[in-house]
Amino acid sequence: MRVRLPFAVLSCALALVLISGSSSAEEKPQRPGTWYPGLPYAECRPFAWAPGTCESTPNVQEDFTGMNVMQTGMTGSSASKQWARVPIGLLAANSAFTVSQNDAGGNDSTVDVWAHFVSPRGSRHNYGQSPRISVRTVAFGAIPATVVLQISQKRDSSDLPIPFYLHLVNSSRGTTEFYPSTEFSATVDVAVRSVEVDGQDVRLGEGCLAPDARIATASRPSSFPVGEPPPPSVTDFDPSTSFVALQGGQLDGTIDVPRFRGCTTASGDDISPLLTTAISGAGNPLSLRIGSLGCQFYEEGTGRSIPPAPGTSPKTLGPKCPDDLNQPYNPRIRPVPEELPFPDRTP
């Protein structure tokens, strides 16, 4: 399935998969446990337009709806007046599609996405931890410092990451296709992995953390005229100004970073207050740029969609995430999103 396919075509293709799978007499109960170490299997969610799916094909969510995605972003610290870029990272995602007719004779379509960070090598967990984010700031009012942060998803009682969730909607009515604002919010932990002060590593211990940071972002609503494939929602879409279903896009908002704790150096100094002063605060600006859902992995011999293996780097994906997936319709739609430029103002 190519990301440029319209919603209806993509949903019909998935429906055929469900129908063909539901007649099998060899279906097994939903698999317990994990895909790879540290990554839970996808939970089967009932499809309103295909009742009985989870009973007849309990593993459909993990076997046929893997549509991984890459993301980047930018955030700023209002306290230190500094911007930091979130490096390009990879999310292991699966999805559910619905299409129904509305009272205007058009279609209402949704995509639900559940995603986990694919942690970079050297992380404590295989999944659930972001790329490392380098923040340059000033310590004690005058000394240059570099702080390396990492964002972690919350974890369940089995120490598995709880997925991020996105609900995307579009509606065609008359001659217009509407894309309301997509909201994304999450509670995460912000850890400090290292601190250098005036070029010297302070050898920070484990456990330096600002727990329960709150992310709240949303995209701008947009609309396009209804057209034949390729539709204007593909050809005219600009991922820097809105968010369109499978094409990805941008969400803007804030991250509230609470006080840090447990930040002890090798010499025994507690620098938690210093990091709190430099980084913490409510309403820190945050922008997220999400690529099109086009980084797909398949198991040889079965055709099952599979998530990226632990430690998979966005730099080594090759043909699984081609830069020109949606060419020639719109070169701005990319599985690998463009990094956001720093604003010309302080946070």
Protein backbone atom coordinates (compact mmCIF):
# COMPACT_ATOMS: atom_id res chain seq x y z
CA MET A 1 0.00 0.00 0.00
CA ARG A 2 1.42 3.34 -1.02
CA VAL A 3 0.86 6.32 1.23
CA ARG A 4 -0.43 8.39 -1.66
CA LEU A 5 -3.50 6.17 -2.03
CA PRO A 6 -6.74 7.92 -1.04
CA PHE A 7 -8.43 6.94 2.19
CA ALA A 8 -11.20 4.98 0.53
CA VAL A 9 -8.83 2.82 -1.52
CA LEU A 10 -6.62 2.11 1.46
CA SER A 11 -9.58 1.23 3.65
CA CYS A 12 -11.07 -1.04 0.99
CA ALA A 13 -7.76 -2.87 0.71
CA LEU A 14 -7.74 -3.45 4.45
CA ALA A 15 -11.34 -4.61 4.31
CA LEU A 16 -10.38 -7.27 1.77
CA VAL A 17 -7.64 -8.45 4.09
CA LEU A 18 -10.14 -8.74 6.93
CA ILE A 19 -12.71 -10.55 4.84
CA SER A 20 -10.19 -13.02 3.45
CA GLY A 21 -8.78 -13.69 6.92
CA SER A 22 -12.11 -14.10 8.66
CA SER A 23 -12.94 -17.34 6.83
CA SER A 24 -9.84 -19.16 8.01
CA ALA A 25 -10.47 -22.08 10.35
CA GLU A 26 -6.92 -21.91 11.66
CA GLU A 27 -7.16 -18.58 13.45
CA LYS A 28 -5.48 -18.58 16.84
CA PRO A 29 -6.26 -16.44 19.90
CA GLN A 30 -4.62 -13.05 20.04
CA ARG A 31 -0.92 -13.46 20.71
CA PRO A 32 0.19 -12.55 24.22
CA GLY A 33 3.52 -11.01 25.02
CA THR A 34 5.78 -8.97 22.80
CA TRP A 35 6.81 -8.66 19.15
CA TYR A 36 10.44 -7.87 19.83
CA PRO A 37 11.81 -7.70 23.37
CA GLY A 38 10.24 -4.61 24.89
CA LEU A 39 7.56 -3.98 22.23
CA PRO A 40 4.02 -5.18 23.01
CA TYR A 41 1.89 -6.81 20.36
CA ALA A 42 -0.81 -4.55 18.98
CA GLU A 43 -4.15 -4.89 20.72
CA CYS A 44 -7.00 -5.77 18.37
CA ARG A 45 -9.58 -2.98 18.35
CA PRO A 46 -13.07 -3.68 16.97
CA PHE A 47 -13.80 -2.12 13.57
CA ALA A 48 -17.24 -0.50 13.50
CA TRP A 49 -17.52 -1.23 9.76
CA ALA A 50 -16.37 -4.85 10.14
CA PRO A 51 -18.07 -6.32 13.23
CA GLY A 52 -16.60 -9.53 14.57
CA THR A 53 -13.12 -8.76 13.27
CA CYS A 54 -11.32 -9.34 16.56
CA GLU A 55 -13.15 -12.62 17.13
CA SER A 56 -12.43 -14.00 13.67
CA THR A 57 -9.03 -12.40 13.01
CA PRO A 58 -7.63 -11.50 16.43
CA ASN A 59 -4.13 -10.69 15.17
CA VAL A 60 -5.17 -8.39 12.32
CA GLN A 61 -3.95 -5.26 14.10
CA GLU A 62 -0.37 -6.45 14.33
CA ASP A 63 -0.26 -8.47 11.10
CA PHE A 64 -1.67 -6.04 8.54
CA THR A 65 -1.73 -2.47 9.86
CA GLY A 66 1.92 -1.68 10.53
CA MET A 67 2.57 1.75 9.02
CA ASN A 68 5.63 3.16 10.73
CA VAL A 69 6.48 6.82 10.76
CA MET A 70 9.40 9.16 11.34
CA GLN A 71 9.21 12.39 13.28
CA THR A 72 11.32 15.39 14.17
CA GLY A 73 10.64 18.55 16.10
CA MET A 74 11.81 21.60 17.93
CA THR A 75 11.36 22.80 21.47
CA GLY A 76 12.47 25.76 23.50
CA SER A 77 13.17 26.58 27.12
CA SER A 78 11.51 29.78 28.24
CA ALA A 79 13.78 29.82 31.29
CA SER A 80 17.08 29.68 29.39
CA LYS A 81 15.82 31.39 26.20
CA GLN A 82 17.27 28.56 24.11
CA TRP A 83 15.90 26.44 21.25
CA ALA A 84 16.72 22.76 20.76
CA ARG A 85 16.05 20.55 17.76
CA VAL A 86 14.58 17.07 18.23
CA PRO A 87 16.55 14.76 15.89
CA ILE A 88 14.74 12.59 13.37
CA GLY A 89 13.46 9.46 15.11
CA LEU A 90 11.45 6.41 14.17
CA LEU A 91 8.07 5.33 15.57
CA ALA A 92 6.82 1.75 15.39
CA ALA A 93 3.14 2.32 14.57
CA ASN A 94 0.01 0.40 13.71
CA SER A 95 -3.29 1.85 12.62
CA ALA A 96 -7.01 1.36 12.14
CA PHE A 97 -9.09 2.87 9.33
CA THR A 98 -12.80 3.57 9.08
CA VAL A 99 -14.94 5.03 6.28
CA SER A 100 -18.65 5.80 6.56
CA GLN A 101 -21.14 7.83 4.56
CA ASN A 102 -22.29 11.10 6.10
CA ASP A 103 -25.58 12.98 5.84
CA ALA A 104 -24.19 15.18 3.03
CA GLY A 105 -23.62 12.20 0.76
CA GLY A 106 -19.87 12.29 1.26
CA ASN A 107 -17.55 10.19 3.39
CA ASP A 108 -16.30 10.58 6.94
CA SER A 109 -12.92 8.88 7.31
CA THR A 110 -10.73 8.28 10.34
CA VAL A 111 -7.28 6.92 11.03
CA ASP A 112 -6.33 5.86 14.55
CA VAL A 113 -2.61 5.45 15.15
CA TRP A 114 -0.81 3.84 18.10
CA ALA A 115 2.94 4.37 18.18
CA HIS A 116 6.08 3.66 20.18
CA PHE A 117 9.50 5.28 19.95
CA VAL A 118 12.15 2.96 18.51
CA SER A 119 14.86 3.73 21.05
CA PRO A 120 18.33 4.58 19.74
CA ARG A 121 21.19 2.25 20.57
CA GLY A 122 22.49 2.72 24.08
CA SER A 123 19.06 3.41 25.56
CA ARG A 124 17.85 1.56 28.62
CA HIS A 125 14.80 0.18 26.76
CA ASN A 126 14.46 -1.13 23.18
CA TYR A 127 11.27 0.88 22.69
CA GLY A 128 9.72 3.93 24.26
CA GLN A 129 12.67 6.36 24.33
CA SER A 130 13.28 9.25 21.94
CA PRO A 131 16.49 10.26 20.18
CA ARG A 132 18.75 12.25 22.45
CA ILE A 133 18.21 16.00 22.42
CA SER A 134 21.15 18.35 22.96
CA VAL A 135 20.38 21.67 24.67
CA ARG A 136 22.99 24.40 24.98
CA THR A 137 22.44 26.71 27.91
CA VAL A 138 24.27 28.81 30.50
CA ALA A 139 25.11 27.59 33.98
CA PHE A 140 25.47 29.94 36.96
CA GLY A 141 24.58 32.86 34.72
CA ALA A 142 27.80 32.86 32.70
CA ILE A 143 29.31 29.40 32.07
CA PRO A 144 28.34 27.57 28.83
CA ALA A 145 26.75 24.17 29.42
CA THR A 146 25.41 21.38 27.23
CA VAL A 147 22.60 19.20 28.54
CA VAL A 148 21.54 16.00 26.73
CA LEU A 149 17.87 15.07 27.26
CA GLN A 150 15.81 12.03 26.36
CA ILE A 151 12.02 11.76 26.41
CA SER A 152 10.47 8.47 27.53
CA GLN A 153 6.95 7.14 27.12
CA LYS A 154 5.18 6.08 30.29
CA ARG A 155 5.30 2.36 30.99
CA ASP A 156 2.72 -0.15 32.18
CA SER A 157 2.84 -2.67 35.01
CA SER A 158 4.77 -5.07 32.76
CA ASP A 159 7.40 -2.37 32.07
CA LEU A 160 6.25 -2.05 28.45
CA PRO A 161 5.79 1.39 26.84
CA ILE A 162 2.26 2.76 26.67
CA PRO A 163 1.61 3.81 23.05
CA PHE A 164 1.13 7.36 21.88
CA TYR A 165 -2.31 7.79 20.32
CA LEU A 166 -3.43 9.95 17.39
CA HIS A 167 -6.95 10.24 16.01
CA LEU A 168 -7.11 11.75 12.52
CA VAL A 169 -10.32 12.73 10.76
CA ASN A 170 -11.42 13.99 7.37
CA SER A 171 -14.85 14.61 5.91
CA SER A 172 -15.96 15.24 2.34
CA ARG A 173 -19.07 17.41 2.04
CA GLY A 174 -20.23 18.71 -1.29
CA THR A 175 -17.23 20.03 -3.17
CA THR A 176 -14.94 20.34 -0.14
CA GLU A 177 -12.86 17.96 1.92
CA PHE A 178 -12.36 19.08 5.53
CA TYR A 179 -9.53 18.19 7.89
CA PRO A 180 -10.28 19.39 11.43
CA SER A 181 -7.52 20.06 13.92
CA THR A 182 -5.68 16.92 15.05
CA GLU A 183 -4.81 16.99 18.73
CA PHE A 184 -1.99 15.09 20.35
CA SER A 185 -1.32 15.07 24.07
CA ALA A 186 0.78 12.80 26.25
CA THR A 187 2.43 12.51 29.63
CA VAL A 188 6.12 11.65 29.35
CA ASP A 189 9.26 11.58 31.46
CA VAL A 190 12.18 13.88 30.61
CA ALA A 191 15.56 12.45 31.63
CA VAL A 192 18.97 14.13 31.57
CA ARG A 193 21.60 11.74 30.19
CA SER A 194 24.68 13.93 30.43
CA VAL A 195 25.80 17.42 31.40
CA GLU A 196 28.92 19.27 30.31
CA VAL A 197 29.83 22.52 32.03
CA ASP A 198 32.47 24.62 30.28
CA GLY A 199 33.41 21.57 28.23
CA GLN A 200 33.82 19.25 31.23
CA ASP A 201 31.58 16.20 31.72
CA VAL A 202 30.22 16.28 35.29
CA ARG A 203 29.61 12.50 35.10
CA LEU A 204 25.96 12.58 35.98
CA GLY A 205 24.54 9.47 37.61
CA GLU A 206 21.44 7.52 36.54
CA GLY A 207 18.03 8.70 37.65
CA CYS A 208 18.15 12.40 36.76
CA LEU A 209 14.53 12.95 35.80
CA ALA A 210 11.66 15.39 35.42
CA PRO A 211 8.71 12.96 35.70
CA ASP A 212 5.27 13.47 34.21
CA ALA A 213 6.02 16.25 31.75
CA ARG A 214 2.90 17.17 29.79
CA ILE A 215 2.77 17.55 26.00
CA ALA A 216 -0.22 19.31 24.41
CA THR A 217 -0.14 19.98 20.66
CA ALA A 218 -2.61 20.41 17.79
CA SER A 219 -2.56 20.98 14.05
CA ARG A 220 -4.28 23.77 12.17
CA PRO A 221 -7.55 22.80 10.46
CA SER A 222 -7.46 22.76 6.66
CA SER A 223 -9.73 22.11 3.68
CA PHE A 224 -9.29 21.24 0.02
CA PRO A 225 -11.61 21.01 -3.00
CA VAL A 226 -12.73 17.49 -3.83
CA GLY A 227 -10.89 16.20 -6.91
CA GLU A 228 -9.98 13.08 -8.83
CA PRO A 229 -6.83 11.17 -7.86
CA PRO A 230 -4.37 12.53 -7.13
CA PRO A 231 -6.68 14.73 -5.04
CA PRO A 232 -5.85 18.32 -4.00
CA SER A 233 -5.36 17.06 -0.43
CA VAL A 234 -2.22 15.41 -1.85
CA THR A 235 -1.09 17.80 -4.57
CA ASP A 236 -1.71 21.03 -2.60
CA PHE A 237 -0.84 19.85 0.90
CA ASP A 238 1.92 21.67 2.81
CA PRO A 239 3.14 19.66 5.84
CA SER A 240 4.51 22.80 7.49
CA THR A 241 1.05 24.34 7.88
CA SER A 242 -1.40 21.53 8.62
CA PHE A 243 -1.89 17.79 9.17
CA VAL A 244 -3.56 15.52 6.63
CA ALA A 245 -4.16 11.90 7.57
CA LEU A 246 -1.60 9.63 5.90
CA GLN A 247 0.46 12.53 4.58
CA GLY A 248 1.61 13.62 8.06
CA GLY A 249 2.20 17.25 8.90
CA GLN A 250 2.87 19.55 11.81
CA LEU A 251 1.49 19.95 15.31
CA ASP A 252 2.32 22.94 17.49
CA GLY A 253 1.84 23.44 21.20
CA THR A 254 3.68 23.27 24.49
CA ILE A 255 5.49 20.99 26.88
CA ASP A 256 5.30 21.57 30.63
CA VAL A 257 8.52 20.33 32.24
CA PRO A 258 8.35 19.86 36.03
CA ARG A 259 11.24 20.09 38.47
CA PHE A 260 14.19 17.72 38.06
CA ARG A 261 15.22 15.34 40.79
CA GLY A 262 17.94 12.76 41.38
CA CYS A 263 20.57 14.67 39.41
CA THR A 264 23.76 13.83 41.30
CA THR A 265 27.26 14.15 39.84
CA ALA A 266 30.22 11.82 40.39
CA SER A 267 31.53 14.23 43.03
CA GLY A 268 28.24 14.05 44.94
CA ASP A 269 26.84 17.44 43.97
CA ASP A 270 23.07 17.65 43.43
CA ILE A 271 22.53 19.80 40.33
CA SER A 272 18.76 19.23 40.23
CA PRO A 273 18.06 22.89 41.14
CA LEU A 274 20.41 24.08 38.39
CA LEU A 275 18.69 21.95 35.74
CA THR A 276 15.28 22.98 37.00
CA THR A 277 16.25 26.64 36.66
CA ALA A 278 17.67 26.12 33.16
CA ILE A 279 15.05 23.82 31.63
CA SER A 280 11.85 23.42 33.66
CA GLY A 281 8.74 25.51 33.30
CA ALA A 282 5.19 25.54 32.00
CA GLY A 283 4.30 26.42 28.43
CA ASN A 284 7.65 25.71 26.79
CA PRO A 285 7.01 25.86 23.02
CA LEU A 286 7.01 22.57 21.10
CA SER A 287 6.56 21.79 17.40
CA LEU A 288 6.37 18.25 16.00
CA ARG A 289 6.76 17.38 12.31
CA ILE A 290 5.50 13.89 11.43
CA GLY A 291 6.36 12.24 8.12
CA SER A 292 3.92 10.36 5.91
CA LEU A 293 3.03 6.85 7.04
CA GLY A 294 5.21 5.05 4.53
CA CYS A 295 8.02 3.22 6.33
CA GLN A 296 6.74 -0.31 5.98
CA PHE A 297 8.48 -3.53 6.93
CA TYR A 298 7.29 -6.99 5.90
CA GLU A 299 8.14 -10.46 7.13
CA GLU A 300 9.61 -12.61 4.38
CA GLY A 301 7.41 -15.52 3.39
CA THR A 302 4.24 -14.34 5.15
CA GLY A 303 3.78 -10.75 4.04
CA ARG A 304 2.90 -9.74 7.59
CA SER A 305 3.70 -6.16 8.46
CA ILE A 306 6.29 -6.02 11.20
CA PRO A 307 7.67 -3.19 13.34
CA PRO A 308 11.24 -1.91 13.08
CA ALA A 309 13.68 -4.08 15.01
CA PRO A 310 15.30 -2.71 18.17
CA GLY A 311 17.92 -0.09 17.49
CA THR A 312 16.81 0.55 13.89
CA SER A 313 18.28 3.90 12.87
CA PRO A 314 16.45 6.34 10.59
CA LYS A 315 19.76 6.82 8.79
CA THR A 316 19.94 3.18 7.66
CA LEU A 317 16.40 2.48 6.45
CA GLY A 318 17.13 2.77 2.73
CA PRO A 319 14.28 1.64 0.43
CA LYS A 320 11.91 0.98 3.34
CA CYS A 321 11.46 4.74 3.73
CA PRO A 322 12.30 6.33 0.37
CA ASP A 323 12.50 10.11 0.30
CA ASP A 324 10.52 10.34 -2.95
CA LEU A 325 7.63 8.00 -2.06
CA ASN A 326 4.95 10.45 -3.19
CA GLN A 327 6.70 11.89 -6.25
CA PRO A 328 5.66 13.28 -8.66
CA TYR A 329 2.43 14.41 -6.98
CA ASN A 330 3.89 16.49 -4.17
CA PRO A 331 7.58 16.44 -3.20
CA ARG A 332 6.75 18.08 0.15
CA ILE A 333 5.08 14.88 1.35
CA ARG A 334 7.96 12.81 2.68
CA PRO A 335 8.33 9.79 4.95
CA VAL A 336 11.50 11.50 6.22
CA PRO A 337 10.27 14.89 7.44
CA GLU A 338 12.30 18.03 6.97
CA GLU A 339 13.88 19.43 10.12
CA LEU A 340 12.25 22.56 11.46
CA PRO A 341 14.20 25.82 11.24
CA PHE A 342 14.91 27.72 14.44
CA PRO A 343 12.69 30.79 14.90
CA ASP A 344 14.24 34.25 14.85
CA ARG A 345 12.96 34.93 18.36
CA THR A 346 13.69 33.49 21.78
CA PRO A 347 11.25 31.02 23.40
